Amino acid sequence: MIDHLTERQERIVRCIREWVAETGEYPTVREIGAGVGLRSPSSVLYHLRRMEAQGVVVHDDRRQRSYRLTG
């Protein structure tokens, strides 16, 4: 796994990978939260934005399922 991620961020990456493998599409922020045990979408967004700054995910404002893994 990527060295600079927190444990929760690693769980988010695993959740996204598993979701894509199972459904063929990226999860929503709420689906990510449910997958890692975070109720608040703002908590999930906090982690996703930090991960975006680190280059782990990319964000597309025009899509509902807008956070995608870069690698």
PDB file of N, CA and C in Angstrom:
ATOM      1  N   MET A   1       0.851  -1.183   0.000  1.00  0.00           N
ATOM      2  CA  MET A   1       0.000   0.000   0.000  1.00  0.00           C
ATOM      3  C   MET A   1       0.891   1.239   0.000  1.00  0.00           C
ATOM      4  N   ILE A   2       0.329   2.372  -0.251  1.00  0.00           N
ATOM      5  CA  ILE A   2       1.071   3.622  -0.333  1.00  0.00           C
ATOM      6  C   ILE A   2       1.508   4.041   1.074  1.00  0.00           C
ATOM      7  N   ASP A   3       2.781   4.398   1.240  1.00  0.00           N
ATOM      8  CA  ASP A   3       3.356   4.679   2.550  1.00  0.00           C
ATOM      9  C   ASP A   3       2.762   5.891   3.259  1.00  0.00           C
ATOM     10  N   HIS A   4       2.396   6.912   2.528  1.00  0.00           N
ATOM     11  CA  HIS A   4       1.984   8.169   3.145  1.00  0.00           C
ATOM     12  C   HIS A   4       0.502   8.251   3.502  1.00  0.00           C
ATOM     13  N   LEU A   5      -0.229   7.176   3.397  1.00  0.00           N
ATOM     14  CA  LEU A   5      -1.650   7.184   3.733  1.00  0.00           C
ATOM     15  C   LEU A   5      -1.867   6.770   5.184  1.00  0.00           C
ATOM     16  N   THR A   6      -2.883   7.361   5.791  1.00  0.00           N
ATOM     17  CA  THR A   6      -3.275   6.933   7.128  1.00  0.00           C
ATOM     18  C   THR A   6      -3.997   5.591   7.007  1.00  0.00           C
ATOM     19  N   GLU A   7      -4.215   4.950   8.140  1.00  0.00           N
ATOM     20  CA  GLU A   7      -4.931   3.675   8.133  1.00  0.00           C
ATOM     21  C   GLU A   7      -6.327   3.826   7.528  1.00  0.00           C
ATOM     22  N   ARG A   8      -7.015   4.890   7.890  1.00  0.00           N
ATOM     23  CA  ARG A   8      -8.362   5.112   7.358  1.00  0.00           C
ATOM     24  C   ARG A   8      -8.325   5.343   5.849  1.00  0.00           C
ATOM     25  N   GLN A   9      -7.328   6.090   5.371  1.00  0.00           N
ATOM     26  CA  GLN A   9      -7.206   6.329   3.935  1.00  0.00           C
ATOM     27  C   GLN A   9      -6.894   5.031   3.197  1.00  0.00           C
ATOM     28  N   GLU A  10      -6.102   4.168   3.792  1.00  0.00           N
ATOM     29  CA  GLU A  10      -5.854   2.863   3.184  1.00  0.00           C
ATOM     30  C   GLU A  10      -7.138   2.063   3.100  1.00  0.00           C
ATOM     31  N   ARG A  11      -7.972   2.159   4.145  1.00  0.00           N
ATOM     32  CA  ARG A  11      -9.270   1.476   4.113  1.00  0.00           C
ATOM     33  C   ARG A  11     -10.157   2.046   3.007  1.00  0.00           C
ATOM     34  N   ILE A  12     -10.086   3.351   2.794  1.00  0.00           N
ATOM     35  CA  ILE A  12     -10.863   3.974   1.715  1.00  0.00           C
ATOM     36  C   ILE A  12     -10.398   3.448   0.360  1.00  0.00           C
ATOM     37  N   VAL A  13      -9.095   3.365   0.157  1.00  0.00           N
ATOM     38  CA  VAL A  13      -8.566   2.830  -1.110  1.00  0.00           C
ATOM     39  C   VAL A  13      -9.045   1.397  -1.317  1.00  0.00           C
ATOM     40  N   ARG A  14      -8.950   0.568  -0.270  1.00  0.00           N
ATOM     41  CA  ARG A  14      -9.424  -0.826  -0.381  1.00  0.00           C
ATOM     42  C   ARG A  14     -10.914  -0.872  -0.698  1.00  0.00           C
ATOM     43  N   CYS A  15     -11.684  -0.022  -0.032  1.00  0.00           N
ATOM     44  CA  CYS A  15     -13.128   0.033  -0.257  1.00  0.00           C
ATOM     45  C   CYS A  15     -13.430   0.384  -1.709  1.00  0.00           C
ATOM     46  N   ILE A  16     -12.738   1.382  -2.245  1.00  0.00           N
ATOM     47  CA  ILE A  16     -12.960   1.788  -3.633  1.00  0.00           C
ATOM     48  C   ILE A  16     -12.603   0.651  -4.582  1.00  0.00           C
ATOM     49  N   ARG A  17     -11.446   0.022  -4.365  1.00  0.00           N
ATOM     50  CA  ARG A  17     -11.029  -1.090  -5.237  1.00  0.00           C
ATOM     51  C   ARG A  17     -12.031  -2.240  -5.202  1.00  0.00           C
ATOM     52  N   GLU A  18     -12.473  -2.603  -4.007  1.00  0.00           N
ATOM     53  CA  GLU A  18     -13.435  -3.701  -3.877  1.00  0.00           C
ATOM     54  C   GLU A  18     -14.760  -3.342  -4.539  1.00  0.00           C
ATOM     55  N   TRP A  19     -15.205  -2.096  -4.359  1.00  0.00           N
ATOM     56  CA  TRP A  19     -16.479  -1.662  -4.944  1.00  0.00           C
ATOM     57  C   TRP A  19     -16.417  -1.756  -6.475  1.00  0.00           C
ATOM     58  N   VAL A  20     -15.321  -1.273  -7.042  1.00  0.00           N
ATOM     59  CA  VAL A  20     -15.157  -1.312  -8.495  1.00  0.00           C
ATOM     60  C   VAL A  20     -15.115  -2.759  -8.980  1.00  0.00           C
ATOM     61  N   ALA A  21     -14.423  -3.623  -8.254  1.00  0.00           N
ATOM     62  CA  ALA A  21     -14.329  -5.029  -8.641  1.00  0.00           C
ATOM     63  C   ALA A  21     -15.697  -5.705  -8.611  1.00  0.00           C
ATOM     64  N   GLU A  22     -16.532  -5.334  -7.652  1.00  0.00           N
ATOM     65  CA  GLU A  22     -17.848  -5.957  -7.499  1.00  0.00           C
ATOM     66  C   GLU A  22     -18.901  -5.362  -8.425  1.00  0.00           C
ATOM     67  N   THR A  23     -18.858  -4.040  -8.646  1.00  0.00           N
ATOM     68  CA  THR A  23     -19.951  -3.388  -9.371  1.00  0.00           C
ATOM     69  C   THR A  23     -19.561  -2.856 -10.744  1.00  0.00           C
ATOM     70  N   GLY A  24     -18.256  -2.670 -10.970  1.00  0.00           N
ATOM     71  CA  GLY A  24     -17.812  -2.111 -12.242  1.00  0.00           C
ATOM     72  C   GLY A  24     -17.888  -0.599 -12.318  1.00  0.00           C
ATOM     73  N   GLU A  25     -18.237   0.062 -11.205  1.00  0.00           N
ATOM     74  CA  GLU A  25     -18.277   1.513 -11.178  1.00  0.00           C
ATOM     75  C   GLU A  25     -17.712   2.008  -9.854  1.00  0.00           C
ATOM     76  N   TYR A  26     -17.353   3.283  -9.804  1.00  0.00           N
ATOM     77  CA  TYR A  26     -16.804   3.845  -8.577  1.00  0.00           C
ATOM     78  C   TYR A  26     -17.922   4.148  -7.592  1.00  0.00           C
ATOM     79  N   PRO A  27     -17.640   4.050  -6.285  1.00  0.00           N
ATOM     80  CA  PRO A  27     -18.672   4.334  -5.282  1.00  0.00           C
ATOM     81  C   PRO A  27     -18.882   5.831  -5.088  1.00  0.00           C
ATOM     82  N   THR A  28     -20.058   6.184  -4.580  1.00  0.00           N
ATOM     83  CA  THR A  28     -20.330   7.558  -4.195  1.00  0.00           C
ATOM     84  C   THR A  28     -19.637   7.829  -2.857  1.00  0.00           C
ATOM     85  N   VAL A  29     -19.615   9.082  -2.457  1.00  0.00           N
ATOM     86  CA  VAL A  29     -19.025   9.452  -1.171  1.00  0.00           C
ATOM     87  C   VAL A  29     -19.761   8.731  -0.043  1.00  0.00           C
ATOM     88  N   ARG A  30     -21.060   8.679  -0.103  1.00  0.00           N
ATOM     89  CA  ARG A  30     -21.846   7.994   0.937  1.00  0.00           C
ATOM     90  C   ARG A  30     -21.562   6.492   0.952  1.00  0.00           C
ATOM     91  N   GLU A  31     -21.410   5.898  -0.203  1.00  0.00           N
ATOM     92  CA  GLU A  31     -21.098   4.467  -0.267  1.00  0.00           C
ATOM     93  C   GLU A  31     -19.710   4.184   0.301  1.00  0.00           C
ATOM     94  N   ILE A  32     -18.775   5.082   0.047  1.00  0.00           N
ATOM     95  CA  ILE A  32     -17.437   4.933   0.633  1.00  0.00           C
ATOM     96  C   ILE A  32     -17.549   5.020   2.154  1.00  0.00           C
ATOM     97  N   GLY A  33     -18.286   6.002   2.631  1.00  0.00           N
ATOM     98  CA  GLY A  33     -18.465   6.161   4.077  1.00  0.00           C
ATOM     99  C   GLY A  33     -19.048   4.915   4.723  1.00  0.00           C
ATOM    100  N   ALA A  34     -20.075   4.352   4.095  1.00  0.00           N
ATOM    101  CA  ALA A  34     -20.679   3.128   4.629  1.00  0.00           C
ATOM    102  C   ALA A  34     -19.673   1.981   4.628  1.00  0.00           C
ATOM    103  N   GLY A  35     -18.823   1.938   3.617  1.00  0.00           N
ATOM    104  CA  GLY A  35     -17.846   0.864   3.502  1.00  0.00           C
ATOM    105  C   GLY A  35     -16.723   0.931   4.520  1.00  0.00           C
ATOM    106  N   VAL A  36     -16.431   2.129   5.019  1.00  0.00           N
ATOM    107  CA  VAL A  36     -15.331   2.279   5.978  1.00  0.00           C
ATOM    108  C   VAL A  36     -15.802   2.700   7.365  1.00  0.00           C
ATOM    109  N   GLY A  37     -17.108   2.787   7.553  1.00  0.00           N
ATOM    110  CA  GLY A  37     -17.638   3.093   8.881  1.00  0.00           C
ATOM    111  C   GLY A  37     -17.673   4.563   9.239  1.00  0.00           C
ATOM    112  N   LEU A  38     -17.770   5.435   8.250  1.00  0.00           N
ATOM    113  CA  LEU A  38     -17.912   6.871   8.501  1.00  0.00           C
ATOM    114  C   LEU A  38     -19.329   7.297   8.129  1.00  0.00           C
ATOM    115  N   ARG A  39     -20.038   7.878   9.066  1.00  0.00           N
ATOM    116  CA  ARG A  39     -21.415   8.300   8.792  1.00  0.00           C
ATOM    117  C   ARG A  39     -21.491   9.634   8.067  1.00  0.00           C
ATOM    118  N   SER A  40     -20.553  10.509   8.358  1.00  0.00           N
ATOM    119  CA  SER A  40     -20.601  11.862   7.821  1.00  0.00           C
ATOM    120  C   SER A  40     -19.908  11.942   6.458  1.00  0.00           C
ATOM    121  N   PRO A  41     -20.650  12.369   5.418  1.00  0.00           N
ATOM    122  CA  PRO A  41     -20.014  12.556   4.117  1.00  0.00           C
ATOM    123  C   PRO A  41     -18.867  13.570   4.175  1.00  0.00           C
ATOM    124  N   SER A  42     -18.955  14.555   5.071  1.00  0.00           N
ATOM    125  CA  SER A  42     -17.875  15.538   5.164  1.00  0.00           C
ATOM    126  C   SER A  42     -16.590  14.894   5.676  1.00  0.00           C
ATOM    127  N   SER A  43     -16.689  13.896   6.529  1.00  0.00           N
ATOM    128  CA  SER A  43     -15.495  13.173   6.991  1.00  0.00           C
ATOM    129  C   SER A  43     -14.854  12.412   5.843  1.00  0.00           C
ATOM    130  N   VAL A  44     -15.690  11.791   5.021  1.00  0.00           N
ATOM    131  CA  VAL A  44     -15.177  11.064   3.860  1.00  0.00           C
ATOM    132  C   VAL A  44     -14.516  12.050   2.903  1.00  0.00           C
ATOM    133  N   LEU A  45     -15.182  13.175   2.652  1.00  0.00           N
ATOM    134  CA  LEU A  45     -14.626  14.187   1.751  1.00  0.00           C
ATOM    135  C   LEU A  45     -13.305  14.739   2.264  1.00  0.00           C
ATOM    136  N   TYR A  46     -13.166  14.902   3.561  1.00  0.00           N
ATOM    137  CA  TYR A  46     -11.902  15.364   4.141  1.00  0.00           C
ATOM    138  C   TYR A  46     -10.764  14.424   3.724  1.00  0.00           C
ATOM    139  N   HIS A  47     -10.983  13.137   3.902  1.00  0.00           N
ATOM    140  CA  HIS A  47      -9.954  12.161   3.548  1.00  0.00           C
ATOM    141  C   HIS A  47      -9.717  12.119   2.039  1.00  0.00           C
ATOM    142  N   LEU A  48     -10.783  12.159   1.260  1.00  0.00           N
ATOM    143  CA  LEU A  48     -10.638  12.115  -0.197  1.00  0.00           C
ATOM    144  C   LEU A  48      -9.880  13.342  -0.711  1.00  0.00           C
ATOM    145  N   ARG A  49     -10.147  14.494  -0.149  1.00  0.00           N
ATOM    146  CA  ARG A  49      -9.445  15.707  -0.592  1.00  0.00           C
ATOM    147  C   ARG A  49      -7.964  15.657  -0.229  1.00  0.00           C
ATOM    148  N   ARG A  50      -7.647  15.127   0.931  1.00  0.00           N
ATOM    149  CA  ARG A  50      -6.230  14.958   1.294  1.00  0.00           C
ATOM    150  C   ARG A  50      -5.565  13.955   0.360  1.00  0.00           C
ATOM    151  N   MET A  51      -6.284  12.897   0.029  1.00  0.00           N
ATOM    152  CA  MET A  51      -5.752  11.879  -0.880  1.00  0.00           C
ATOM    153  C   MET A  51      -5.593  12.454  -2.286  1.00  0.00           C
ATOM    154  N   GLU A  52      -6.482  13.352  -2.669  1.00  0.00           N
ATOM    155  CA  GLU A  52      -6.367  14.014  -3.972  1.00  0.00           C
ATOM    156  C   GLU A  52      -5.108  14.881  -4.008  1.00  0.00           C
ATOM    157  N   ALA A  53      -4.844  15.584  -2.940  1.00  0.00           N
ATOM    158  CA  ALA A  53      -3.646  16.417  -2.863  1.00  0.00           C
ATOM    159  C   ALA A  53      -2.371  15.576  -2.940  1.00  0.00           C
ATOM    160  N   GLN A  54      -2.455  14.339  -2.489  1.00  0.00           N
ATOM    161  CA  GLN A  54      -1.311  13.421  -2.518  1.00  0.00           C
ATOM    162  C   GLN A  54      -1.215  12.670  -3.843  1.00  0.00           C
ATOM    163  N   GLY A  55      -2.217  12.843  -4.703  1.00  0.00           N
ATOM    164  CA  GLY A  55      -2.187  12.188  -6.003  1.00  0.00           C
ATOM    165  C   GLY A  55      -2.704  10.759  -6.006  1.00  0.00           C
ATOM    166  N   VAL A  56      -3.433  10.372  -4.963  1.00  0.00           N
ATOM    167  CA  VAL A  56      -3.949   9.005  -4.859  1.00  0.00           C
ATOM    168  C   VAL A  56      -5.278   8.868  -5.599  1.00  0.00           C
ATOM    169  N   VAL A  57      -6.087   9.923  -5.549  1.00  0.00           N
ATOM    170  CA  VAL A  57      -7.368   9.936  -6.254  1.00  0.00           C
ATOM    171  C   VAL A  57      -7.453  11.192  -7.110  1.00  0.00           C
ATOM    172  N   VAL A  58      -8.320  11.149  -8.099  1.00  0.00           N
ATOM    173  CA  VAL A  58      -8.641  12.334  -8.896  1.00  0.00           C
ATOM    174  C   VAL A  58     -10.133  12.590  -8.766  1.00  0.00           C
ATOM    175  N   HIS A  59     -10.513  13.841  -8.933  1.00  0.00           N
ATOM    176  CA  HIS A  59     -11.893  14.252  -8.724  1.00  0.00           C
ATOM    177  C   HIS A  59     -12.442  14.927  -9.974  1.00  0.00           C
ATOM    178  N   ASP A  60     -13.669  14.557 -10.340  1.00  0.00           N
ATOM    179  CA  ASP A  60     -14.364  15.163 -11.480  1.00  0.00           C
ATOM    180  C   ASP A  60     -15.678  15.737 -10.960  1.00  0.00           C
ATOM    181  N   ASP A  61     -15.773  17.057 -10.890  1.00  0.00           N
ATOM    182  CA  ASP A  61     -16.967  17.726 -10.353  1.00  0.00           C
ATOM    183  C   ASP A  61     -18.243  17.418 -11.124  1.00  0.00           C
ATOM    184  N   ARG A  62     -18.112  17.000 -12.357  1.00  0.00           N
ATOM    185  CA  ARG A  62     -19.284  16.818 -13.211  1.00  0.00           C
ATOM    186  C   ARG A  62     -19.972  15.470 -13.016  1.00  0.00           C
ATOM    187  N   ARG A  63     -19.410  14.613 -12.177  1.00  0.00           N
ATOM    188  CA  ARG A  63     -19.963  13.263 -12.025  1.00  0.00           C
ATOM    189  C   ARG A  63     -20.318  12.984 -10.574  1.00  0.00           C
ATOM    190  N   GLN A  64     -21.371  12.207 -10.354  1.00  0.00           N
ATOM    191  CA  GLN A  64     -21.768  11.830  -8.997  1.00  0.00           C
ATOM    192  C   GLN A  64     -20.706  10.911  -8.374  1.00  0.00           C
ATOM    193  N   ARG A  65     -20.240   9.956  -9.112  1.00  0.00           N
ATOM    194  CA  ARG A  65     -19.222   9.011  -8.651  1.00  0.00           C
ATOM    195  C   ARG A  65     -17.872   9.541  -9.105  1.00  0.00           C
ATOM    196  N   SER A  66     -17.486  10.648  -8.482  1.00  0.00           N
ATOM    197  CA  SER A  66     -16.444  11.486  -9.062  1.00  0.00           C
ATOM    198  C   SER A  66     -15.025  11.242  -8.559  1.00  0.00           C
ATOM    199  N   TYR A  67     -14.842  10.448  -7.506  1.00  0.00           N
ATOM    200  CA  TYR A  67     -13.498  10.190  -7.011  1.00  0.00           C
ATOM    201  C   TYR A  67     -13.005   8.854  -7.564  1.00  0.00           C
ATOM    202  N   ARG A  68     -11.896   8.919  -8.288  1.00  0.00           N
ATOM    203  CA  ARG A  68     -11.329   7.735  -8.918  1.00  0.00           C
ATOM    204  C   ARG A  68      -9.891   7.550  -8.491  1.00  0.00           C
ATOM    205  N   LEU A  69      -9.466   6.310  -8.361  1.00  0.00           N
ATOM    206  CA  LEU A  69      -8.073   6.015  -8.006  1.00  0.00           C
ATOM    207  C   LEU A  69      -7.175   6.324  -9.190  1.00  0.00           C
ATOM    208  N   THR A  70      -5.981   6.796  -8.901  1.00  0.00           N
ATOM    209  CA  THR A  70      -5.057   7.143  -9.980  1.00  0.00           C
ATOM    210  C   THR A  70      -4.218   5.954 -10.412  1.00  0.00           C
ATOM    211  N   GLY A  71      -4.048   4.982  -9.574  1.00  0.00           N
ATOM    212  CA  GLY A  71      -3.166   3.883  -9.965  1.00  0.00           C
ATOM    213  C   GLY A  71      -3.616   2.527  -9.626  1.00  0.00           C
TER     214      GLY A  71
END
